[in-house]
């Protein structure tokens, strides 16, 4: 039995709220499709398949790319946005179980949010500082100050008190 699934057409715009996760899923399916192709597809064949698996709007973003690796990298640059570590950790710290949400669903949501936190390997003191920073941001009474802190990619405790 040969199991070969054609990837869906990428239609979601890069500005959509879930564009990054939808693109990563599409890319995994697309790359899997290419890996399972009979023989080894040429770069031209990969480019033809790519053009056939994106909408006309998405095609216009990559039409200038002459080779498959360039087109693929361009899509990655457009869709995969850098994660704001402070905001990601705030989302994780403040996520609450939604009424009617099962424990498994809640745990899965926390797991996904945790993956966005980009937790580096740190010492115990650095870990303590990060916990204090996260509690500081989550506990602020002023949403305006919190919003200003979200505009930074990474904060140190000394920066927050300024």
C-alpha atoms as a PDB file:
ATOM      1  CA  UNK A   1       0.000   0.000   0.000  1.00  0.00           C
ATOM      2  CA  UNK A   2       1.394   3.373  -0.986  1.00  0.00           C
ATOM      3  CA  UNK A   3       0.404   6.214   1.296  1.00  0.00           C
ATOM      4  CA  UNK A   4       1.134   9.598  -0.222  1.00  0.00           C
ATOM      5  CA  UNK A   5      -0.830  12.627   0.830  1.00  0.00           C
ATOM      6  CA  UNK A   6      -0.690  15.830  -1.166  1.00  0.00           C
ATOM      7  CA  UNK A   7      -0.232  18.898   1.062  1.00  0.00           C
ATOM      8  CA  UNK A   8      -3.003  21.454   1.145  1.00  0.00           C
ATOM      9  CA  UNK A   9      -2.622  24.754  -0.612  1.00  0.00           C
ATOM     10  CA  UNK A  10      -1.142  27.480   1.608  1.00  0.00           C
ATOM     11  CA  UNK A  11      -3.782  30.199   1.671  1.00  0.00           C
ATOM     12  CA  UNK A  12      -3.371  31.917   5.027  1.00  0.00           C
ATOM     13  CA  UNK A  13      -1.840  35.379   4.870  1.00  0.00           C
ATOM     14  CA  UNK A  14       1.316  36.124   6.864  1.00  0.00           C
ATOM     15  CA  UNK A  15      -0.495  38.711   9.012  1.00  0.00           C
ATOM     16  CA  UNK A  16      -3.147  36.297  10.298  1.00  0.00           C
ATOM     17  CA  UNK A  17      -3.065  35.625  14.033  1.00  0.00           C
ATOM     18  CA  UNK A  18      -2.209  31.940  13.603  1.00  0.00           C
ATOM     19  CA  UNK A  19      -0.063  32.346  10.479  1.00  0.00           C
ATOM     20  CA  UNK A  20       3.160  31.068  12.043  1.00  0.00           C
ATOM     21  CA  UNK A  21       1.685  27.835  13.403  1.00  0.00           C
ATOM     22  CA  UNK A  22      -0.369  27.228  10.245  1.00  0.00           C
ATOM     23  CA  UNK A  23       2.711  27.807   8.074  1.00  0.00           C
ATOM     24  CA  UNK A  24       4.897  25.489  10.176  1.00  0.00           C
ATOM     25  CA  UNK A  25       2.274  22.749   9.813  1.00  0.00           C
ATOM     26  CA  UNK A  26       1.956  23.347   6.063  1.00  0.00           C
ATOM     27  CA  UNK A  27       5.757  23.339   5.686  1.00  0.00           C
ATOM     28  CA  UNK A  28       6.104  20.040   7.558  1.00  0.00           C
ATOM     29  CA  UNK A  29       3.466  18.466   5.279  1.00  0.00           C
ATOM     30  CA  UNK A  30       5.041  19.969   2.165  1.00  0.00           C
ATOM     31  CA  UNK A  31       8.569  18.810   3.053  1.00  0.00           C
ATOM     32  CA  UNK A  32       7.214  15.344   3.913  1.00  0.00           C
ATOM     33  CA  UNK A  33       5.500  15.221   0.540  1.00  0.00           C
ATOM     34  CA  UNK A  34       8.766  16.072  -1.227  1.00  0.00           C
ATOM     35  CA  UNK A  35      10.720  13.493   0.815  1.00  0.00           C
ATOM     36  CA  UNK A  36       8.325  10.721  -0.173  1.00  0.00           C
ATOM     37  CA  UNK A  37       8.288  11.606  -3.868  1.00  0.00           C
ATOM     38  CA  UNK A  38       9.316   8.735  -6.124  1.00  0.00           C
ATOM     39  CA  UNK A  39      12.918   9.219  -7.141  1.00  0.00           C
ATOM     40  CA  UNK A  40      14.599  12.427  -6.119  1.00  0.00           C
ATOM     41  CA  UNK A  41      12.775  15.552  -7.371  1.00  0.00           C
ATOM     42  CA  UNK A  42      14.933  18.157  -9.071  1.00  0.00           C
ATOM     43  CA  UNK A  43      15.008  21.734  -7.820  1.00  0.00           C
ATOM     44  CA  UNK A  44      12.833  22.746 -10.793  1.00  0.00           C
ATOM     45  CA  UNK A  45      10.283  20.070  -9.889  1.00  0.00           C
ATOM     46  CA  UNK A  46      10.274  21.228  -6.259  1.00  0.00           C
ATOM     47  CA  UNK A  47       9.651  24.781  -7.445  1.00  0.00           C
ATOM     48  CA  UNK A  48       6.758  23.651  -9.655  1.00  0.00           C
ATOM     49  CA  UNK A  49       5.193  21.747  -6.769  1.00  0.00           C
ATOM     50  CA  UNK A  50       5.663  24.761  -4.473  1.00  0.00           C
ATOM     51  CA  UNK A  51       3.939  27.061  -6.973  1.00  0.00           C
ATOM     52  CA  UNK A  52       1.033  24.620  -7.214  1.00  0.00           C
ATOM     53  CA  UNK A  53       0.645  24.407  -3.409  1.00  0.00           C
ATOM     54  CA  UNK A  54       0.348  28.142  -2.635  1.00  0.00           C
ATOM     55  CA  UNK A  55      -2.500  30.518  -3.388  1.00  0.00           C
ATOM     56  CA  UNK A  56      -2.058  33.267  -5.990  1.00  0.00           C
ATOM     57  CA  UNK A  57      -1.667  35.816  -3.172  1.00  0.00           C
ATOM     58  CA  UNK A  58       1.136  33.802  -1.561  1.00  0.00           C
ATOM     59  CA  UNK A  59       2.698  33.126  -4.960  1.00  0.00           C
ATOM     60  CA  UNK A  60       3.084  36.873  -5.454  1.00  0.00           C
ATOM     61  CA  UNK A  61       5.350  36.924  -2.373  1.00  0.00           C
ATOM     62  CA  UNK A  62       7.789  34.417  -3.876  1.00  0.00           C
ATOM     63  CA  UNK A  63       7.477  34.914  -7.635  1.00  0.00           C
ATOM     64  CA  UNK A  64      10.813  36.765  -7.824  1.00  0.00           C
ATOM     65  CA  UNK A  65      12.700  33.790  -6.345  1.00  0.00           C
ATOM     66  CA  UNK A  66      14.350  31.845  -9.128  1.00  0.00           C
ATOM     67  CA  UNK A  67      15.325  28.743  -7.150  1.00  0.00           C
ATOM     68  CA  UNK A  68      13.510  26.534  -4.675  1.00  0.00           C
ATOM     69  CA  UNK A  69      15.798  27.157  -1.659  1.00  0.00           C
ATOM     70  CA  UNK A  70      15.417  30.918  -2.106  1.00  0.00           C
ATOM     71  CA  UNK A  71      11.615  30.672  -2.327  1.00  0.00           C
ATOM     72  CA  UNK A  72      11.461  28.358   0.696  1.00  0.00           C
ATOM     73  CA  UNK A  73      13.690  30.644   2.761  1.00  0.00           C
ATOM     74  CA  UNK A  74      11.646  33.679   1.742  1.00  0.00           C
ATOM     75  CA  UNK A  75       8.447  32.026   2.958  1.00  0.00           C
ATOM     76  CA  UNK A  76      10.149  31.143   6.252  1.00  0.00           C
ATOM     77  CA  UNK A  77      11.304  34.746   6.718  1.00  0.00           C
ATOM     78  CA  UNK A  78       7.803  36.039   6.020  1.00  0.00           C
ATOM     79  CA  UNK A  79       5.851  33.571   8.151  1.00  0.00           C
ATOM     80  CA  UNK A  80       8.073  32.609  11.071  1.00  0.00           C
ATOM     81  CA  UNK A  81       8.082  35.601  13.360  1.00  0.00           C
ATOM     82  CA  UNK A  82      10.500  35.961  16.246  1.00  0.00           C
ATOM     83  CA  UNK A  83       8.905  35.207  19.599  1.00  0.00           C
ATOM     84  CA  UNK A  84       8.801  37.960  22.196  1.00  0.00           C
ATOM     85  CA  UNK A  85      10.048  36.048  25.226  1.00  0.00           C
ATOM     86  CA  UNK A  86       8.527  38.434  27.788  1.00  0.00           C
ATOM     87  CA  UNK A  87       5.073  38.262  26.210  1.00  0.00           C
ATOM     88  CA  UNK A  88       5.256  34.487  25.717  1.00  0.00           C
ATOM     89  CA  UNK A  89       6.118  33.945  29.384  1.00  0.00           C
ATOM     90  CA  UNK A  90       3.351  36.360  30.430  1.00  0.00           C
ATOM     91  CA  UNK A  91       0.829  34.386  28.367  1.00  0.00           C
ATOM     92  CA  UNK A  92       1.973  31.171  30.047  1.00  0.00           C
ATOM     93  CA  UNK A  93       1.904  32.692  33.547  1.00  0.00           C
ATOM     94  CA  UNK A  94      -1.591  34.140  33.150  1.00  0.00           C
ATOM     95  CA  UNK A  95      -3.315  31.344  31.202  1.00  0.00           C
ATOM     96  CA  UNK A  96      -6.281  30.033  33.159  1.00  0.00           C
ATOM     97  CA  UNK A  97      -8.509  27.058  32.511  1.00  0.00           C
ATOM     98  CA  UNK A  98     -11.530  28.074  30.439  1.00  0.00           C
ATOM     99  CA  UNK A  99     -14.985  27.043  31.592  1.00  0.00           C
ATOM    100  CA  UNK A 100     -15.777  23.690  29.961  1.00  0.00           C
ATOM    101  CA  UNK A 101     -12.141  23.037  29.012  1.00  0.00           C
ATOM    102  CA  UNK A 102     -10.954  19.571  30.034  1.00  0.00           C
ATOM    103  CA  UNK A 103      -7.791  19.110  32.099  1.00  0.00           C
ATOM    104  CA  UNK A 104      -6.083  17.548  29.069  1.00  0.00           C
ATOM    105  CA  UNK A 105      -7.038  20.489  26.852  1.00  0.00           C
ATOM    106  CA  UNK A 106      -5.804  22.951  29.478  1.00  0.00           C
ATOM    107  CA  UNK A 107      -2.529  21.049  29.880  1.00  0.00           C
ATOM    108  CA  UNK A 108      -2.031  20.931  26.088  1.00  0.00           C
ATOM    109  CA  UNK A 109      -2.628  24.684  25.835  1.00  0.00           C
ATOM    110  CA  UNK A 110      -0.027  25.286  28.558  1.00  0.00           C
ATOM    111  CA  UNK A 111       2.425  22.981  26.785  1.00  0.00           C
ATOM    112  CA  UNK A 112       2.068  24.931  23.536  1.00  0.00           C
ATOM    113  CA  UNK A 113       2.498  28.248  25.356  1.00  0.00           C
ATOM    114  CA  UNK A 114       5.540  26.862  27.177  1.00  0.00           C
ATOM    115  CA  UNK A 115       7.230  25.951  23.897  1.00  0.00           C
ATOM    116  CA  UNK A 116       7.008  29.594  22.825  1.00  0.00           C
ATOM    117  CA  UNK A 117       8.977  30.733  25.869  1.00  0.00           C
ATOM    118  CA  UNK A 118      12.411  29.800  24.486  1.00  0.00           C
ATOM    119  CA  UNK A 119      13.700  28.784  27.899  1.00  0.00           C
ATOM    120  CA  UNK A 120      17.500  28.840  27.857  1.00  0.00           C
ATOM    121  CA  UNK A 121      19.740  26.733  30.062  1.00  0.00           C
ATOM    122  CA  UNK A 122      20.399  28.930  33.104  1.00  0.00           C
ATOM    123  CA  UNK A 123      21.907  28.810  36.548  1.00  0.00           C
ATOM    124  CA  UNK A 124      19.758  28.723  39.669  1.00  0.00           C
ATOM    125  CA  UNK A 125      20.308  32.462  40.237  1.00  0.00           C
ATOM    126  CA  UNK A 126      19.379  33.295  36.649  1.00  0.00           C
ATOM    127  CA  UNK A 127      16.283  31.095  36.951  1.00  0.00           C
ATOM    128  CA  UNK A 128      15.281  32.949  40.112  1.00  0.00           C
ATOM    129  CA  UNK A 129      15.726  36.274  38.311  1.00  0.00           C
ATOM    130  CA  UNK A 130      13.522  35.072  35.452  1.00  0.00           C
ATOM    131  CA  UNK A 131      10.809  33.933  37.863  1.00  0.00           C
ATOM    132  CA  UNK A 132      10.896  37.292  39.635  1.00  0.00           C
ATOM    133  CA  UNK A 133      10.756  39.118  36.297  1.00  0.00           C
ATOM    134  CA  UNK A 134       7.774  37.048  35.156  1.00  0.00           C
ATOM    135  CA  UNK A 135       5.928  37.630  38.436  1.00  0.00           C
ATOM    136  CA  UNK A 136       6.732  41.351  38.195  1.00  0.00           C
ATOM    137  CA  UNK A 137       5.301  41.626  34.683  1.00  0.00           C
ATOM    138  CA  UNK A 138       2.232  39.484  35.442  1.00  0.00           C
ATOM    139  CA  UNK A 139       1.531  41.303  38.704  1.00  0.00           C
ATOM    140  CA  UNK A 140       1.713  44.874  37.421  1.00  0.00           C
ATOM    141  CA  UNK A 141      -1.441  46.871  38.084  1.00  0.00           C
ATOM    142  CA  UNK A 142      -0.784  49.133  35.087  1.00  0.00           C
ATOM    143  CA  UNK A 143      -1.557  47.509  31.737  1.00  0.00           C
ATOM    144  CA  UNK A 144       0.175  50.454  30.008  1.00  0.00           C
ATOM    145  CA  UNK A 145       3.483  49.720  31.738  1.00  0.00           C
ATOM    146  CA  UNK A 146       3.059  46.019  31.005  1.00  0.00           C
ATOM    147  CA  UNK A 147       2.449  46.829  27.321  1.00  0.00           C
ATOM    148  CA  UNK A 148       5.657  48.899  27.193  1.00  0.00           C
ATOM    149  CA  UNK A 149       7.566  45.970  28.663  1.00  0.00           C
ATOM    150  CA  UNK A 150       6.124  43.667  25.961  1.00  0.00           C
ATOM    151  CA  UNK A 151       7.716  45.893  23.329  1.00  0.00           C
ATOM    152  CA  UNK A 152      11.129  44.618  24.417  1.00  0.00           C
ATOM    153  CA  UNK A 153      12.300  41.149  23.403  1.00  0.00           C
ATOM    154  CA  UNK A 154      14.105  40.433  26.663  1.00  0.00           C
ATOM    155  CA  UNK A 155      14.193  42.203  30.019  1.00  0.00           C
ATOM    156  CA  UNK A 156      16.585  42.093  32.907  1.00  0.00           C
ATOM    157  CA  UNK A 157      15.440  42.885  36.421  1.00  0.00           C
ATOM    158  CA  UNK A 158      17.480  46.104  36.491  1.00  0.00           C
ATOM    159  CA  UNK A 159      15.729  47.355  33.325  1.00  0.00           C
ATOM    160  CA  UNK A 160      12.254  46.752  34.723  1.00  0.00           C
ATOM    161  CA  UNK A 161      12.640  49.052  37.677  1.00  0.00           C
ATOM    162  CA  UNK A 162      13.668  51.986  35.437  1.00  0.00           C
END
